[in-house]
C-alpha atoms as a PDB file:
ATOM      1  CA  UNK A   1       7.278  29.614 -18.887  1.00  0.00           C
ATOM      2  CA  UNK A   2       6.333  31.404 -15.651  1.00  0.00           C
ATOM      3  CA  UNK A   3       4.263  30.104 -12.809  1.00  0.00           C
ATOM      4  CA  UNK A   4       0.483  30.398 -12.553  1.00  0.00           C
ATOM      5  CA  UNK A   5       0.215  33.849 -10.949  1.00  0.00           C
ATOM      6  CA  UNK A   6      -3.534  33.578 -10.322  1.00  0.00           C
ATOM      7  CA  UNK A   7      -3.025  30.334  -8.396  1.00  0.00           C
ATOM      8  CA  UNK A   8      -0.102  31.867  -6.462  1.00  0.00           C
ATOM      9  CA  UNK A   9      -2.342  34.786  -5.447  1.00  0.00           C
ATOM     10  CA  UNK A  10      -4.972  32.331  -4.208  1.00  0.00           C
ATOM     11  CA  UNK A  11      -2.347  30.524  -2.098  1.00  0.00           C
ATOM     12  CA  UNK A  12      -1.060  33.867  -0.765  1.00  0.00           C
ATOM     13  CA  UNK A  13      -4.589  34.782   0.276  1.00  0.00           C
ATOM     14  CA  UNK A  14      -4.992  31.535   2.217  1.00  0.00           C
ATOM     15  CA  UNK A  15      -1.641  32.034   3.970  1.00  0.00           C
ATOM     16  CA  UNK A  16      -1.945  35.771   4.654  1.00  0.00           C
ATOM     17  CA  UNK A  17      -2.749  35.349   8.372  1.00  0.00           C
ATOM     18  CA  UNK A  18       0.469  33.446   9.062  1.00  0.00           C
ATOM     19  CA  UNK A  19       3.660  35.247  10.054  1.00  0.00           C
ATOM     20  CA  UNK A  20       5.998  32.329   9.305  1.00  0.00           C
ATOM     21  CA  UNK A  21       5.582  32.327   5.493  1.00  0.00           C
ATOM     22  CA  UNK A  22       8.185  33.463   2.983  1.00  0.00           C
ATOM     23  CA  UNK A  23       8.313  33.066  -0.781  1.00  0.00           C
ATOM     24  CA  UNK A  24      11.225  31.672  -2.718  1.00  0.00           C
ATOM     25  CA  UNK A  25      11.782  31.054  -6.428  1.00  0.00           C
ATOM     26  CA  UNK A  26      12.207  27.277  -6.854  1.00  0.00           C
ATOM     27  CA  UNK A  27      11.209  24.488  -9.247  1.00  0.00           C
ATOM     28  CA  UNK A  28      10.505  27.050 -12.017  1.00  0.00           C
ATOM     29  CA  UNK A  29       7.826  28.545  -9.823  1.00  0.00           C
ATOM     30  CA  UNK A  30       7.263  30.219  -6.499  1.00  0.00           C
ATOM     31  CA  UNK A  31       7.454  28.181  -3.323  1.00  0.00           C
ATOM     32  CA  UNK A  32       5.834  29.125  -0.074  1.00  0.00           C
ATOM     33  CA  UNK A  33       8.157  28.341   2.788  1.00  0.00           C
ATOM     34  CA  UNK A  34       6.550  27.820   6.185  1.00  0.00           C
ATOM     35  CA  UNK A  35       8.898  27.890   9.161  1.00  0.00           C
ATOM     36  CA  UNK A  36      11.815  27.962   6.659  1.00  0.00           C
ATOM     37  CA  UNK A  37      10.683  24.660   5.074  1.00  0.00           C
ATOM     38  CA  UNK A  38       9.241  24.186   1.606  1.00  0.00           C
ATOM     39  CA  UNK A  39       5.500  23.703   2.081  1.00  0.00           C
ATOM     40  CA  UNK A  40       3.749  24.255  -1.268  1.00  0.00           C
ATOM     41  CA  UNK A  41       4.967  25.453  -4.629  1.00  0.00           C
ATOM     42  CA  UNK A  42       3.048  26.985  -7.530  1.00  0.00           C
ATOM     43  CA  UNK A  43       4.346  26.012 -10.972  1.00  0.00           C
ATOM     44  CA  UNK A  44       3.176  26.792 -14.485  1.00  0.00           C
ATOM     45  CA  UNK A  45       0.779  23.840 -14.448  1.00  0.00           C
ATOM     46  CA  UNK A  46      -0.349  23.567 -10.835  1.00  0.00           C
ATOM     47  CA  UNK A  47       0.959  22.767  -7.380  1.00  0.00           C
ATOM     48  CA  UNK A  48       3.852  20.845  -5.922  1.00  0.00           C
ATOM     49  CA  UNK A  49       2.614  19.711  -2.520  1.00  0.00           C
ATOM     50  CA  UNK A  50       4.857  18.442   0.275  1.00  0.00           C
ATOM     51  CA  UNK A  51       2.497  16.182   2.196  1.00  0.00           C
ATOM     52  CA  UNK A  52       4.681  13.339   3.487  1.00  0.00           C
ATOM     53  CA  UNK A  53       5.225   9.825   2.194  1.00  0.00           C
ATOM     54  CA  UNK A  54       2.202   8.124   3.779  1.00  0.00           C
ATOM     55  CA  UNK A  55      -0.277  10.820   2.726  1.00  0.00           C
ATOM     56  CA  UNK A  56       1.313  10.945  -0.753  1.00  0.00           C
ATOM     57  CA  UNK A  57       0.817   7.184  -1.136  1.00  0.00           C
ATOM     58  CA  UNK A  58      -2.808   7.539  -0.081  1.00  0.00           C
ATOM     59  CA  UNK A  59      -3.486  10.473  -2.411  1.00  0.00           C
ATOM     60  CA  UNK A  60      -1.763   8.780  -5.373  1.00  0.00           C
ATOM     61  CA  UNK A  61      -4.273   5.937  -5.043  1.00  0.00           C
ATOM     62  CA  UNK A  62      -7.401   8.070  -4.664  1.00  0.00           C
ATOM     63  CA  UNK A  63      -6.673  11.378  -6.422  1.00  0.00           C
ATOM     64  CA  UNK A  64      -5.614  12.732  -9.750  1.00  0.00           C
ATOM     65  CA  UNK A  65      -2.079  13.654  -8.679  1.00  0.00           C
ATOM     66  CA  UNK A  66       1.336  12.335  -9.627  1.00  0.00           C
ATOM     67  CA  UNK A  67       4.578  11.621  -7.790  1.00  0.00           C
ATOM     68  CA  UNK A  68       7.437  14.087  -8.031  1.00  0.00           C
ATOM     69  CA  UNK A  69      10.512  12.682  -9.728  1.00  0.00           C
ATOM     70  CA  UNK A  70      13.678  14.780  -9.594  1.00  0.00           C
ATOM     71  CA  UNK A  71      16.738  13.711 -11.610  1.00  0.00           C
ATOM     72  CA  UNK A  72      15.345  10.173 -11.855  1.00  0.00           C
ATOM     73  CA  UNK A  73      14.774   9.939  -8.097  1.00  0.00           C
ATOM     74  CA  UNK A  74      11.275   9.588  -6.631  1.00  0.00           C
ATOM     75  CA  UNK A  75      10.612  12.290  -4.067  1.00  0.00           C
ATOM     76  CA  UNK A  76       8.290  10.368  -1.750  1.00  0.00           C
ATOM     77  CA  UNK A  77       7.020  13.333   0.271  1.00  0.00           C
ATOM     78  CA  UNK A  78       5.887  15.322  -2.786  1.00  0.00           C
ATOM     79  CA  UNK A  79       3.060  15.158  -5.321  1.00  0.00           C
ATOM     80  CA  UNK A  80       2.096  17.339  -8.268  1.00  0.00           C
ATOM     81  CA  UNK A  81      -1.519  18.494  -8.523  1.00  0.00           C
ATOM     82  CA  UNK A  82      -2.772  19.997 -11.801  1.00  0.00           C
ATOM     83  CA  UNK A  83      -4.242  23.485 -11.603  1.00  0.00           C
ATOM     84  CA  UNK A  84      -7.475  22.145 -13.094  1.00  0.00           C
ATOM     85  CA  UNK A  85      -7.859  19.999  -9.957  1.00  0.00           C
ATOM     86  CA  UNK A  86      -7.787  22.999  -7.599  1.00  0.00           C
ATOM     87  CA  UNK A  87     -10.103  25.387  -9.433  1.00  0.00           C
ATOM     88  CA  UNK A  88     -12.518  25.379  -6.498  1.00  0.00           C
ATOM     89  CA  UNK A  89     -11.339  27.101  -3.326  1.00  0.00           C
ATOM     90  CA  UNK A  90     -12.288  24.080  -1.208  1.00  0.00           C
ATOM     91  CA  UNK A  91      -9.989  21.848  -3.311  1.00  0.00           C
ATOM     92  CA  UNK A  92      -7.083  24.272  -2.949  1.00  0.00           C
ATOM     93  CA  UNK A  93      -7.661  24.579   0.804  1.00  0.00           C
ATOM     94  CA  UNK A  94      -7.704  20.798   1.138  1.00  0.00           C
ATOM     95  CA  UNK A  95      -4.296  20.397  -0.520  1.00  0.00           C
ATOM     96  CA  UNK A  96      -2.820  23.364   1.353  1.00  0.00           C
ATOM     97  CA  UNK A  97      -4.076  21.954   4.659  1.00  0.00           C
ATOM     98  CA  UNK A  98      -2.337  18.641   3.929  1.00  0.00           C
ATOM     99  CA  UNK A  99       0.888  20.564   3.298  1.00  0.00           C
ATOM    100  CA  UNK A 100       0.506  22.567   6.511  1.00  0.00           C
ATOM    101  CA  UNK A 101      -0.225  19.414   8.532  1.00  0.00           C
ATOM    102  CA  UNK A 102       2.989  17.801   7.321  1.00  0.00           C
ATOM    103  CA  UNK A 103       5.148  20.927   7.658  1.00  0.00           C
ATOM    104  CA  UNK A 104       6.002  20.508  11.383  1.00  0.00           C
ATOM    105  CA  UNK A 105       7.323  17.006  10.583  1.00  0.00           C
ATOM    106  CA  UNK A 106       9.272  18.015   7.456  1.00  0.00           C
ATOM    107  CA  UNK A 107      13.027  18.317   7.632  1.00  0.00           C
ATOM    108  CA  UNK A 108      14.665  21.595   6.719  1.00  0.00           C
ATOM    109  CA  UNK A 109      16.951  21.557   3.715  1.00  0.00           C
ATOM    110  CA  UNK A 110      20.628  22.046   4.311  1.00  0.00           C
ATOM    111  CA  UNK A 111      21.579  25.627   3.570  1.00  0.00           C
ATOM    112  CA  UNK A 112      23.980  26.104   0.657  1.00  0.00           C
ATOM    113  CA  UNK A 113      27.115  28.053   1.426  1.00  0.00           C
END
């Protein structure tokens, strides 16, 4: 199953003024890399948001999101947000802003040879 193209277009629109954004196929979706670091990813069911461990803990308590688990390992900086929870532009902007706020603090992935 492909990613939610309508949601990806909405994210693209919000990021169009930045010159440090690239797209990369990852996590069965399309990820938006900011400054060569994964920032936000659009999947078939919503968003994968990289917001940092402390903000993720806070949002898990107050929002309808869920922790990312990859190969049985909890990815503490990441949460999944269903596409139904970002139908309004203000909701999408809010999640994207959290991702952009964390991005300068995020570590770059090691490049595969």
